[in-house]
Amino acid sequence: MKKLLFVIFLVQVFNVAAQETFNKRMRYGFPAAVMTSVVPTDSFYYATSIIADSVPPYRTGNAFLKFGLDGGLLDIKTLTDTEKTYEAWFDNFVQLPGGGFAVQGYSFDSTTSSILIRYGTDGDTVFVRSYFNPFSPAFEFIQPRGGLVACQDGGFLLANAVRTSSSNLENYLIKTDSLGNTEWDRVYLNGDWDRPQSLLAAPDGGYIVGAIQTNDNVAVSDFIYRCHIFKVDSLGNPEWDYLTPEGLGLRDAANDMVLLDDGSLVVASGIGHEQERSSVNVVYFEKTVFRLSPDRELEWEIKFPDEDTTSWSRTTKIIKLSDGSGFLLGGMAYEELPAPMNFTVRGWLAKISNEGGVIWTRQHVYLDDGEDEHGIFDLKETPDGGFIACGEARDWESGTTYPQQAWLLKLDEHGCLVPGCNLVDDVDEAAMHRIEIAIYPNPASDYLNFQLRGSGISKSGEFRIVDGEGRFVKLFPARVHAGNTFTVPVWDWAAGVYFLQYLDGERNVIIWDRFIVSH
């Protein structure tokens, strides 16, 4: 039995070494925004975001963002045009050794192009370079996927998917100099639908591409999905190629990868399950991470199944922790909700050991009246030992004024938004009879974040919020799972005192705590 560490929460939590944590949703004055990639430094957080322009013809643009360590927005520089779009969708924003930043994206006017945007240290745009499908004009589709690498010589490597026939996509690499001029490019033809998803620089000057290979371009059932990883040298010549064995079943892309010193790869991916449909079947993936030896033999694998597996259930990021304790995995988890609500998509994190053991998992659950989606697109370790994550917060309920917002989440070294959430990890729940509510921050101005901790918690329970006069404000199904952090928007509530109650299945008040809303 693990040592019982859980004592009176209010004493414990304020003895935890303080680290800045926050939970921000924002749109910077635009109708919609999504934050796609973040770079932490000692003094600031920098990020890229897609924005919807607020003037006709409402083209999407890209934004360079600068935040203080408290998550406050300090500066924004936008790149917009009335004739074309600019969108950097994937987590490929990099800080350059000589100063400044770069990001890969795509642009659309009469045709689509892959683009490289280089920023100065202050976020001003230095240049935008465009790259087109080499099979144009027969096939014009090109999509930047897999990431951007800042090369040792000051240039860049860009990974893309390009259409090579009426039904196929293939991997396409572009190597540029420091000004974005093409030095070499290569399409890797294999006759199957194959696209990149992640990209790494190898110590020998080569590059490792993580991709997915499938037959869903031509099949309607009996699908083949294989995780595809291959390495090229500094000139793009293939060195080795790996496909997950067909005997392992349906496999997601190498959504992200970590290259270890011994040449091993730890890969964020998924295990697929084909679902029958009346016309075309679909494949959904349960979150998975696995390790390949330097000879590309499977050493271990961990699965993280959701209660309901859908297209939203997936891994997006994996990072190696600087203290050597293992890896942090990011992604999304899905859960169906009882009527009248429909579903929720949660931001999801898991820490795993070097040997493939699960140390903890965390989920960030948004409590509101309708369907919602919260996705983690990028994840980095911060200089203070914590983590910064960014992505999208979307409200699918009809009539929402601003349904799509950027999401920025700062967590402490234990992956906690609410300080002390790690105490649950070290407790034998059978021995932890006390139920506690942990609220953060208090007072709250925009979001109330809280956890329910302890044993004997009913999954049919509810959270109820009343004001200082005892008047009903909100009621939510508890949906309590170990590691869940709940968020309630309070920005439009009147300032004052409120009470958060946990009710069991019979609607008896089991525990409550007081919080303040201030604006």
Protein backbone atom coordinates (compact mmCIF):
# COMPACT_ATOMS: atom_id res chain seq x y z
CA MET A 1 0.00 0.00 0.00
CA LYS A 2 1.33 3.42 -0.92
CA LYS A 3 2.06 5.83 1.88
CA LEU A 4 -0.93 7.99 2.73
CA LEU A 5 0.17 11.51 1.92
CA PHE A 6 -3.22 13.13 1.69
CA VAL A 7 -3.93 15.27 4.77
CA ILE A 8 -5.92 18.45 5.11
CA PHE A 9 -5.66 19.99 1.65
CA LEU A 10 -5.63 23.66 2.57
CA VAL A 11 -2.51 23.11 4.67
CA GLN A 12 -0.71 20.93 2.14
CA VAL A 13 -1.33 22.87 -1.02
CA PHE A 14 0.17 26.13 0.13
CA ASN A 15 3.31 24.34 1.23
CA VAL A 16 3.86 23.15 -2.36
CA ALA A 17 6.63 25.10 -4.05
CA ALA A 18 4.85 27.83 -5.99
CA GLN A 19 4.94 27.74 -9.77
CA GLU A 20 2.91 29.98 -12.02
CA THR A 21 -0.11 28.17 -13.50
CA PHE A 22 -2.94 29.58 -15.58
CA ASN A 23 -5.75 28.67 -17.94
CA LYS A 24 -6.39 31.24 -20.70
CA ARG A 25 -8.85 31.33 -23.56
CA MET A 26 -8.57 34.28 -25.91
CA ARG A 27 -9.21 35.61 -29.41
CA TYR A 28 -7.19 38.89 -29.32
CA GLY A 29 -10.17 40.92 -30.61
CA PHE A 30 -10.77 38.71 -33.69
CA PRO A 31 -13.92 36.67 -34.39
CA ALA A 32 -12.04 33.39 -33.97
CA ALA A 33 -8.55 32.19 -33.09
CA VAL A 34 -6.59 28.94 -32.66
CA MET A 35 -3.13 28.77 -31.06
CA THR A 36 -1.03 26.18 -32.86
CA SER A 37 2.50 26.31 -31.46
CA VAL A 38 4.37 27.80 -28.50
CA VAL A 39 8.02 28.53 -27.60
CA PRO A 40 8.92 29.17 -23.93
CA THR A 41 11.90 31.28 -22.83
CA ASP A 42 13.16 32.49 -19.45
CA SER A 43 11.25 35.77 -19.76
CA PHE A 44 8.39 35.28 -22.21
CA TYR A 45 6.21 32.79 -24.05
CA TYR A 46 6.02 33.19 -27.84
CA ALA A 47 3.34 31.55 -29.95
CA THR A 48 1.76 31.43 -33.38
CA SER A 49 -1.96 31.59 -33.92
CA ILE A 50 -4.45 31.45 -36.76
CA ILE A 51 -6.96 34.28 -36.74
CA ALA A 52 -10.11 35.12 -38.68
CA ASP A 53 -9.88 38.64 -40.05
CA SER A 54 -12.61 40.99 -38.85
CA VAL A 55 -13.04 42.85 -42.14
CA PRO A 56 -14.35 41.60 -45.51
CA PRO A 57 -13.54 39.24 -47.19
CA TYR A 58 -12.72 37.72 -43.77
CA ARG A 59 -9.54 35.93 -44.83
CA THR A 60 -7.73 33.84 -42.25
CA GLY A 61 -4.34 35.15 -41.23
CA ASN A 62 -1.44 34.26 -38.98
CA ALA A 63 -0.44 35.99 -35.75
CA PHE A 64 2.83 36.19 -33.82
CA LEU A 65 2.13 36.43 -30.08
CA LYS A 66 4.23 37.44 -27.08
CA PHE A 67 3.06 36.65 -23.54
CA GLY A 68 4.39 37.40 -20.08
CA LEU A 69 5.08 34.52 -17.73
CA ASP A 70 1.64 35.13 -16.16
CA GLY A 71 -0.04 34.48 -19.51
CA GLY A 72 -0.83 38.13 -20.16
CA LEU A 73 -0.68 39.11 -23.84
CA LEU A 74 2.09 41.68 -24.36
CA ASP A 75 2.22 41.99 -28.15
CA ILE A 76 0.59 40.68 -31.32
CA LYS A 77 1.80 41.04 -34.92
CA THR A 78 -0.57 39.87 -37.64
CA LEU A 79 0.02 38.72 -41.19
CA THR A 80 -3.17 39.16 -43.24
CA ASP A 81 -4.09 39.88 -46.84
CA THR A 82 -7.37 40.55 -48.65
CA GLU A 83 -6.24 38.37 -51.57
CA LYS A 84 -4.89 35.27 -49.80
CA THR A 85 -4.89 33.33 -46.54
CA TYR A 86 -2.02 32.59 -44.17
CA GLU A 87 -2.39 29.62 -41.82
CA ALA A 88 0.29 27.83 -39.76
CA TRP A 89 -1.77 24.92 -38.43
CA PHE A 90 0.83 22.56 -37.06
CA ASP A 91 3.28 22.69 -34.15
CA ASN A 92 6.28 23.82 -36.18
CA PHE A 93 7.14 27.21 -34.68
CA VAL A 94 10.89 27.38 -33.91
CA GLN A 95 13.21 29.91 -32.30
CA LEU A 96 16.35 30.39 -34.38
CA PRO A 97 19.87 30.24 -32.91
CA GLY A 98 20.82 33.59 -34.46
CA GLY A 99 17.67 35.32 -33.25
CA GLY A 100 14.15 35.50 -34.54
CA PHE A 101 11.64 32.77 -35.29
CA ALA A 102 10.27 30.74 -38.19
CA VAL A 103 7.09 28.81 -38.87
CA GLN A 104 5.74 26.70 -41.73
CA GLY A 105 2.17 27.02 -42.96
CA TYR A 106 0.13 27.29 -46.09
CA SER A 107 -1.45 30.03 -48.14
CA PHE A 108 -4.36 30.00 -50.55
CA ASP A 109 -5.42 32.44 -53.27
CA SER A 110 -6.09 30.84 -56.65
CA THR A 111 -4.04 27.83 -55.61
CA THR A 112 -2.51 26.40 -52.46
CA SER A 113 1.15 26.85 -51.55
CA SER A 114 3.29 25.73 -48.67
CA ILE A 115 4.90 28.75 -47.02
CA LEU A 116 7.85 29.54 -44.77
CA ILE A 117 7.43 32.64 -42.59
CA ARG A 118 10.49 34.11 -40.92
CA TYR A 119 10.05 36.60 -38.09
CA GLY A 120 12.47 38.98 -36.46
CA THR A 121 13.01 38.94 -32.70
CA ASP A 122 10.15 41.42 -32.29
CA GLY A 123 7.70 39.41 -34.41
CA ASP A 124 7.92 41.56 -37.53
CA THR A 125 7.72 39.51 -40.72
CA VAL A 126 11.14 39.28 -42.40
CA PHE A 127 9.96 37.25 -45.41
CA VAL A 128 7.35 34.80 -46.66
CA ARG A 129 8.46 32.17 -49.19
CA SER A 130 6.02 30.03 -51.19
CA TYR A 131 6.51 26.47 -52.47
CA PHE A 132 4.24 24.64 -54.89
CA ASN A 133 3.38 21.08 -55.80
CA PRO A 134 6.12 19.91 -58.22
CA PHE A 135 3.43 18.08 -60.22
CA SER A 136 1.58 21.33 -60.94
CA PRO A 137 -0.43 22.15 -63.02
CA ALA A 138 -1.69 18.56 -63.24
CA PHE A 139 -2.01 18.42 -59.44
CA GLU A 140 -1.83 21.53 -57.28
CA PHE A 141 -2.65 20.26 -53.79
CA ILE A 142 0.15 20.70 -51.25
CA GLN A 143 -0.21 20.65 -47.48
CA PRO A 144 2.55 21.39 -44.96
CA ARG A 145 2.60 18.47 -42.52
CA GLY A 146 5.16 17.04 -40.19
CA GLY A 147 6.94 20.09 -38.95
CA LEU A 148 9.79 22.44 -39.66
CA VAL A 149 13.44 21.85 -38.81
CA ALA A 150 15.97 24.66 -38.45
CA CYS A 151 19.07 23.04 -39.95
CA GLN A 152 22.66 23.21 -38.72
CA ASP A 153 23.69 25.31 -41.75
CA GLY A 154 21.08 27.98 -41.04
CA GLY A 155 18.61 26.71 -43.60
CA PHE A 156 15.31 24.88 -43.15
CA LEU A 157 13.75 21.52 -43.93
CA LEU A 158 10.01 21.53 -44.64
CA ALA A 159 7.83 18.40 -44.75
CA ASN A 160 4.73 18.40 -46.94
CA ALA A 161 2.10 16.11 -48.40
CA VAL A 162 1.52 16.55 -52.15
CA ARG A 163 -0.98 15.04 -54.54
CA THR A 164 0.78 12.90 -57.13
CA SER A 165 -2.28 11.35 -58.78
CA SER A 166 -6.04 11.64 -58.59
CA SER A 167 -6.09 9.45 -55.47
CA ASN A 168 -2.62 9.59 -53.89
CA LEU A 169 -0.70 11.81 -51.50
CA GLU A 170 3.04 11.36 -50.99
CA ASN A 171 5.79 12.73 -48.73
CA TYR A 172 7.58 15.78 -50.13
CA LEU A 173 10.66 17.35 -48.48
CA ILE A 174 12.07 20.78 -49.30
CA LYS A 175 15.51 21.92 -48.10
CA THR A 176 16.16 25.68 -48.20
CA ASP A 177 18.95 28.06 -47.35
CA SER A 178 18.60 30.68 -44.60
CA LEU A 179 16.64 32.98 -46.95
CA GLY A 180 14.15 30.28 -47.90
CA ASN A 181 15.58 29.58 -51.35
CA THR A 182 15.21 25.93 -52.38
CA GLU A 183 18.47 23.95 -52.33
CA TRP A 184 16.89 20.55 -53.03
CA ASP A 185 13.49 18.93 -52.95
CA ARG A 186 12.29 15.35 -53.28
CA VAL A 187 9.03 13.43 -53.52
CA TYR A 188 9.12 9.93 -52.00
CA LEU A 189 6.88 7.85 -54.27
CA ASN A 190 5.60 4.47 -53.10
CA GLY A 191 2.19 4.21 -54.76
CA ASP A 192 0.20 4.32 -51.53
CA TRP A 193 -1.54 7.19 -49.76
CA ASP A 194 1.36 8.35 -47.57
CA ARG A 195 1.77 11.65 -45.75
CA PRO A 196 4.15 13.08 -43.12
CA GLN A 197 3.10 13.97 -39.59
CA SER A 198 6.37 14.64 -37.68
CA LEU A 199 9.96 15.55 -38.44
CA LEU A 200 13.23 15.30 -36.52
CA ALA A 201 16.83 16.33 -37.16
CA ALA A 202 19.35 13.53 -36.56
CA PRO A 203 22.80 14.20 -35.03
CA ASP A 204 24.56 13.06 -38.24
CA GLY A 205 22.87 15.79 -40.31
CA GLY A 206 20.10 13.59 -41.62
CA TYR A 207 16.37 13.77 -40.94
CA ILE A 208 13.72 11.35 -39.66
CA VAL A 209 10.18 11.63 -41.01
CA GLY A 210 7.19 10.21 -39.17
CA ALA A 211 4.24 9.46 -41.43
CA ILE A 212 1.21 7.26 -42.06
CA GLN A 213 0.62 4.87 -44.96
CA THR A 214 -2.89 3.67 -45.79
CA ASN A 215 -5.18 2.37 -48.50
CA ASP A 216 -8.14 4.53 -47.54
CA ASN A 217 -7.67 6.46 -50.76
CA VAL A 218 -9.08 3.49 -52.69
CA ALA A 219 -10.83 1.22 -50.15
CA VAL A 220 -14.18 1.56 -48.38
CA SER A 221 -13.54 -1.28 -45.89
CA ASP A 222 -10.80 -3.70 -44.82
CA PHE A 223 -8.48 -0.77 -44.34
CA ILE A 224 -4.72 -0.86 -43.96
CA TYR A 225 -3.14 1.78 -41.71
CA ARG A 226 0.57 1.52 -40.93
CA CYS A 227 2.82 3.87 -39.00
CA HIS A 228 5.59 4.83 -41.41
CA ILE A 229 8.97 6.20 -40.29
CA PHE A 230 11.93 6.75 -42.60
CA LYS A 231 15.32 8.44 -42.48
CA VAL A 232 17.10 10.43 -45.16
CA ASP A 233 20.61 11.86 -45.26
CA SER A 234 21.46 15.55 -45.49
CA LEU A 235 20.72 15.54 -49.24
CA GLY A 236 17.42 13.70 -48.95
CA ASN A 237 18.65 10.26 -49.99
CA PRO A 238 16.80 7.43 -48.20
CA GLU A 239 18.81 5.55 -45.54
CA TRP A 240 16.21 3.30 -43.87
CA ASP A 241 12.47 2.74 -43.87
CA TYR A 242 10.19 1.31 -41.16
CA LEU A 243 6.54 0.24 -41.33
CA THR A 244 4.66 -1.23 -38.41
CA PRO A 245 4.15 -4.95 -39.19
CA GLU A 246 0.72 -5.77 -40.60
CA GLY A 247 0.33 -8.26 -37.75
CA LEU A 248 0.12 -5.33 -35.32
CA GLY A 249 -3.14 -4.25 -36.94
CA LEU A 250 -4.27 -0.73 -37.79
CA ARG A 251 -1.82 1.96 -36.68
CA ASP A 252 -1.97 5.74 -36.60
CA ALA A 253 0.75 8.04 -37.89
CA ALA A 254 3.90 8.83 -36.00
CA ASN A 255 2.14 11.95 -34.70
CA ASP A 256 5.27 13.02 -32.84
CA MET A 257 8.63 11.44 -32.02
CA VAL A 258 11.56 11.74 -29.61
CA LEU A 259 15.01 10.58 -30.72
CA LEU A 260 17.11 9.26 -27.83
CA ASP A 261 20.90 9.35 -27.54
CA ASP A 262 21.24 5.64 -28.36
CA GLY A 263 19.20 5.99 -31.55
CA SER A 264 15.95 4.68 -30.10
CA LEU A 265 12.68 6.39 -31.00
CA VAL A 266 9.72 6.98 -28.69
CA VAL A 267 6.66 7.52 -30.87
CA ALA A 268 3.24 9.03 -30.10
CA SER A 269 0.74 7.15 -32.24
CA GLY A 270 -2.48 5.15 -31.98
CA ILE A 271 -4.04 1.70 -32.42
CA GLY A 272 -6.93 1.72 -34.86
CA HIS A 273 -10.34 0.05 -34.79
CA GLU A 274 -12.45 -0.16 -37.94
CA GLN A 275 -16.09 0.78 -37.46
CA GLU A 276 -18.70 -0.46 -39.93
CA ARG A 277 -20.79 2.13 -41.73
CA SER A 278 -23.49 1.81 -44.40
CA SER A 279 -21.27 3.08 -47.22
CA VAL A 280 -17.67 3.75 -46.15
CA ASN A 281 -16.24 2.38 -42.93
CA VAL A 282 -14.22 4.59 -40.58
CA VAL A 283 -11.16 3.97 -38.40
CA TYR A 284 -10.80 5.47 -34.94
CA PHE A 285 -7.61 5.30 -32.87
CA GLU A 286 -6.94 4.79 -29.18
CA LYS A 287 -3.97 6.78 -27.90
CA THR A 288 -0.71 4.81 -27.92
CA VAL A 289 2.99 5.41 -27.36
CA PHE A 290 5.72 2.92 -28.23
CA ARG A 291 9.49 2.67 -28.24
CA LEU A 292 11.62 1.35 -31.09
CA SER A 293 15.18 0.13 -30.52
CA PRO A 294 18.04 1.51 -32.66
CA ASP A 295 17.40 -1.52 -34.92
CA ARG A 296 13.70 -0.53 -35.03
CA GLU A 297 12.42 -3.43 -32.98
CA LEU A 298 9.42 -2.82 -30.71
CA GLU A 299 10.65 -2.61 -27.09
CA TRP A 300 7.45 -1.54 -25.29
CA GLU A 301 4.04 -0.06 -25.92
CA ILE A 302 1.37 1.65 -23.80
CA LYS A 303 -2.29 2.08 -24.71
CA PHE A 304 -4.60 4.77 -23.30
CA PRO A 305 -8.14 3.78 -24.35
CA ASP A 306 -11.01 6.23 -23.96
CA GLU A 307 -14.44 5.13 -22.81
CA ASP A 308 -15.69 6.23 -26.23
CA THR A 309 -13.19 6.19 -29.10
CA THR A 310 -13.84 8.66 -31.93
CA SER A 311 -11.89 10.71 -34.45
CA TRP A 312 -11.14 13.19 -31.63
CA SER A 313 -9.26 10.61 -29.55
CA ARG A 314 -5.61 10.96 -30.51
CA THR A 315 -2.08 11.79 -29.47
CA THR A 316 -0.51 15.01 -30.70
CA LYS A 317 2.78 15.60 -28.84
CA ILE A 318 5.52 13.86 -26.90
CA ILE A 319 8.52 15.46 -25.18
CA LYS A 320 11.49 14.04 -23.29
CA LEU A 321 11.72 15.51 -19.79
CA SER A 322 14.94 17.31 -18.96
CA ASP A 323 15.28 15.63 -15.54
CA GLY A 324 15.51 12.22 -17.20
CA SER A 325 12.37 10.92 -15.47
CA GLY A 326 10.57 9.96 -18.68
CA PHE A 327 8.27 11.53 -21.24
CA LEU A 328 5.19 13.74 -21.34
CA LEU A 329 2.48 12.87 -23.84
CA GLY A 330 -0.27 15.24 -24.98
CA GLY A 331 -3.49 14.83 -26.91
CA MET A 332 -7.26 14.67 -26.63
CA ALA A 333 -9.78 12.38 -24.93
CA TYR A 334 -13.46 12.04 -25.83
CA GLU A 335 -16.52 11.26 -23.71
CA GLU A 336 -20.20 11.06 -24.61
CA LEU A 337 -22.48 12.98 -22.24
CA PRO A 338 -26.04 12.35 -21.07
CA ALA A 339 -28.87 14.29 -22.73
CA PRO A 340 -29.41 17.14 -23.32
CA MET A 341 -25.65 17.49 -23.74
CA ASN A 342 -23.85 15.47 -26.41
CA PHE A 343 -20.10 15.14 -25.95
CA THR A 344 -16.94 16.68 -24.55
CA VAL A 345 -13.39 16.60 -25.90
CA ARG A 346 -10.81 17.08 -23.17
CA GLY A 347 -7.22 18.20 -23.18
CA TRP A 348 -5.26 15.13 -22.07
CA LEU A 349 -1.74 14.59 -20.67
CA ALA A 350 0.16 11.52 -19.48
CA LYS A 351 3.59 11.10 -17.95
CA ILE A 352 5.35 7.81 -18.67
CA SER A 353 8.62 6.40 -17.43
CA ASN A 354 11.65 5.48 -19.53
CA GLU A 355 10.62 1.84 -19.16
CA GLY A 356 7.09 2.41 -20.44
CA GLY A 357 5.19 2.66 -17.17
CA VAL A 358 2.34 5.13 -16.64
CA ILE A 359 3.19 7.60 -13.84
CA TRP A 360 0.08 9.79 -14.09
CA THR A 361 -2.63 11.05 -16.43
CA ARG A 362 -4.47 14.39 -16.38
CA GLN A 363 -7.62 15.55 -18.15
CA HIS A 364 -8.94 19.09 -18.40
CA VAL A 365 -12.74 19.07 -18.42
CA TYR A 366 -14.71 22.17 -19.38
CA LEU A 367 -18.07 22.36 -17.62
CA ASP A 368 -20.75 24.30 -19.44
CA ASP A 369 -24.22 23.81 -20.88
CA GLY A 370 -23.30 22.52 -24.34
CA GLU A 371 -20.87 20.46 -26.38
CA ASP A 372 -17.25 21.54 -26.24
CA GLU A 373 -13.85 20.60 -27.63
CA HIS A 374 -10.49 21.39 -26.05
CA GLY A 375 -7.46 20.20 -27.97
CA ILE A 376 -3.75 20.32 -27.12
CA PHE A 377 -1.76 21.03 -30.28
CA ASP A 378 1.67 21.81 -28.80
CA LEU A 379 3.41 21.09 -25.51
CA LYS A 380 6.78 22.25 -24.17
CA GLU A 381 8.76 22.11 -20.94
CA THR A 382 9.32 25.55 -19.37
CA PRO A 383 12.50 26.89 -17.71
CA ASP A 384 10.83 26.74 -14.26
CA GLY A 385 10.32 22.98 -14.63
CA GLY A 386 6.65 23.20 -15.53
CA PHE A 387 4.88 22.89 -18.87
CA ILE A 388 3.17 25.17 -21.34
CA ALA A 389 0.52 23.84 -23.73
CA CYS A 390 -1.55 25.52 -26.40
CA GLY A 391 -4.39 24.61 -28.72
CA GLU A 392 -8.04 25.25 -29.37
CA ALA A 393 -11.13 25.77 -27.21
CA ARG A 394 -14.31 25.31 -29.21
CA ASP A 395 -17.94 25.52 -28.15
CA TRP A 396 -20.16 23.54 -30.55
CA GLU A 397 -23.42 24.77 -29.05
CA SER A 398 -25.44 26.74 -31.60
CA GLY A 399 -25.75 30.45 -30.98
CA THR A 400 -22.37 30.83 -29.24
CA THR A 401 -20.98 34.31 -29.88
CA TYR A 402 -17.33 33.27 -30.11
CA PRO A 403 -17.25 29.50 -30.62
CA GLN A 404 -13.53 29.14 -31.43
CA GLN A 405 -10.82 30.54 -29.17
CA ALA A 406 -7.13 30.02 -28.62
CA TRP A 407 -6.20 28.04 -25.50
CA LEU A 408 -3.03 28.58 -23.45
CA LEU A 409 -2.43 26.37 -20.43
CA LYS A 410 0.46 26.66 -17.95
CA LEU A 411 0.98 23.70 -15.60
CA ASP A 412 3.42 23.06 -12.79
CA GLU A 413 6.11 20.36 -12.70
CA HIS A 414 3.50 17.73 -11.81
CA GLY A 415 1.22 18.65 -14.70
CA CYS A 416 -1.15 20.41 -12.28
CA LEU A 417 -3.26 23.45 -13.05
CA VAL A 418 -4.74 23.32 -9.54
CA PRO A 419 -1.71 23.17 -7.19
CA GLY A 420 -1.41 19.91 -5.30
CA CYS A 421 -3.18 17.70 -7.86
CA ASN A 422 -0.16 15.38 -7.70
CA LEU A 423 -1.02 14.40 -4.12
CA VAL A 424 -3.61 12.00 -5.52
CA ASP A 425 -0.91 10.16 -7.48
CA ASP A 426 0.80 9.05 -4.26
CA VAL A 427 -2.27 7.94 -2.34
CA ASP A 428 -3.86 4.53 -2.03
CA GLU A 429 -7.43 5.61 -2.81
CA ALA A 430 -8.87 2.76 -0.74
CA ALA A 431 -7.22 4.35 2.30
CA MET A 432 -8.15 7.94 1.43
CA HIS A 433 -11.57 8.32 3.04
CA ARG A 434 -11.65 12.09 3.11
CA ILE A 435 -13.18 13.94 0.14
CA GLU A 436 -11.76 17.39 -0.61
CA ILE A 437 -12.48 20.16 -3.10
CA ALA A 438 -9.44 22.09 -4.31
CA ILE A 439 -10.18 25.46 -6.00
CA TYR A 440 -7.76 27.60 -8.01
CA PRO A 441 -7.53 30.52 -8.39
CA ASN A 442 -9.58 32.04 -5.59
CA PRO A 443 -10.68 34.78 -6.23
CA ALA A 444 -11.47 33.87 -9.86
CA SER A 445 -12.10 36.42 -12.60
CA ASP A 446 -12.50 34.50 -15.86
CA TYR A 447 -12.35 30.76 -15.06
CA LEU A 448 -12.83 28.74 -11.90
CA ASN A 449 -10.61 25.62 -11.90
CA PHE A 450 -11.10 22.88 -9.33
CA GLN A 451 -10.54 19.22 -8.47
CA LEU A 452 -12.48 16.71 -6.41
CA ARG A 453 -10.19 14.34 -4.51
CA GLY A 454 -10.83 11.32 -2.38
CA SER A 455 -12.48 7.89 -2.35
CA GLY A 456 -16.16 7.07 -2.31
CA ILE A 457 -16.91 9.57 -5.06
CA SER A 458 -20.06 8.67 -7.01
CA LYS A 459 -19.76 8.90 -10.79
CA SER A 460 -23.47 9.73 -10.80
CA GLY A 461 -22.82 12.74 -8.58
CA GLU A 462 -23.15 16.38 -9.52
CA PHE A 463 -21.49 19.73 -8.94
CA ARG A 464 -23.82 22.55 -7.91
CA ILE A 465 -22.93 26.21 -7.61
CA VAL A 466 -25.01 28.64 -5.55
CA ASP A 467 -24.41 32.30 -4.82
CA GLY A 468 -23.88 33.87 -1.40
CA GLU A 469 -27.65 34.09 -0.84
CA GLY A 470 -28.09 30.38 -1.57
CA ARG A 471 -29.66 30.96 -5.01
CA PHE A 472 -29.05 28.33 -7.67
CA VAL A 473 -26.49 29.28 -10.36
CA LYS A 474 -25.27 26.10 -12.15
CA LEU A 475 -25.57 22.31 -12.00
CA PHE A 476 -23.19 19.93 -13.81
CA PRO A 477 -22.78 16.13 -13.94
CA ALA A 478 -19.59 15.41 -11.96
CA ARG A 479 -18.00 12.94 -14.43
CA VAL A 480 -15.20 12.39 -11.94
CA HIS A 481 -12.13 10.40 -12.96
CA ALA A 482 -8.72 10.36 -11.30
CA GLY A 483 -6.63 13.26 -12.57
CA ASN A 484 -9.54 15.36 -13.86
CA THR A 485 -9.35 19.14 -13.51
CA PHE A 486 -12.65 20.96 -14.06
CA THR A 487 -13.07 24.45 -15.49
CA VAL A 488 -16.16 26.68 -15.26
CA PRO A 489 -16.37 30.05 -17.07
CA VAL A 490 -17.32 32.85 -14.64
CA TRP A 491 -16.48 36.00 -16.62
CA ASP A 492 -20.13 37.04 -16.94
CA TRP A 493 -21.09 36.28 -13.32
CA ALA A 494 -21.72 39.06 -10.85
CA ALA A 495 -18.82 39.72 -8.49
CA GLY A 496 -19.34 38.21 -5.07
CA VAL A 497 -19.26 35.09 -2.94
CA TYR A 498 -20.28 31.67 -4.30
CA PHE A 499 -20.28 28.10 -3.04
CA LEU A 500 -19.23 25.00 -4.96
CA GLN A 501 -20.97 21.84 -3.74
CA TYR A 502 -20.45 18.18 -4.58
CA LEU A 503 -23.69 16.14 -4.43
CA ASP A 504 -23.86 12.35 -4.37
CA GLY A 505 -26.28 10.31 -6.49
CA GLU A 506 -29.10 11.11 -4.07
CA ARG A 507 -28.31 14.84 -4.28
CA ASN A 508 -27.02 15.01 -0.72
CA VAL A 509 -24.33 17.67 -0.19
CA ILE A 510 -21.12 15.74 0.58
CA ILE A 511 -18.59 18.55 0.52
CA TRP A 512 -18.58 22.25 -0.33
CA ASP A 513 -16.16 25.15 -0.52
CA ARG A 514 -16.42 28.90 -0.82
CA PHE A 515 -14.96 30.97 -3.67
CA ILE A 516 -15.08 34.57 -4.81
CA VAL A 517 -15.66 36.00 -8.29
CA SER A 518 -13.97 39.35 -8.83
CA HIS A 519 -13.62 41.37 -12.05
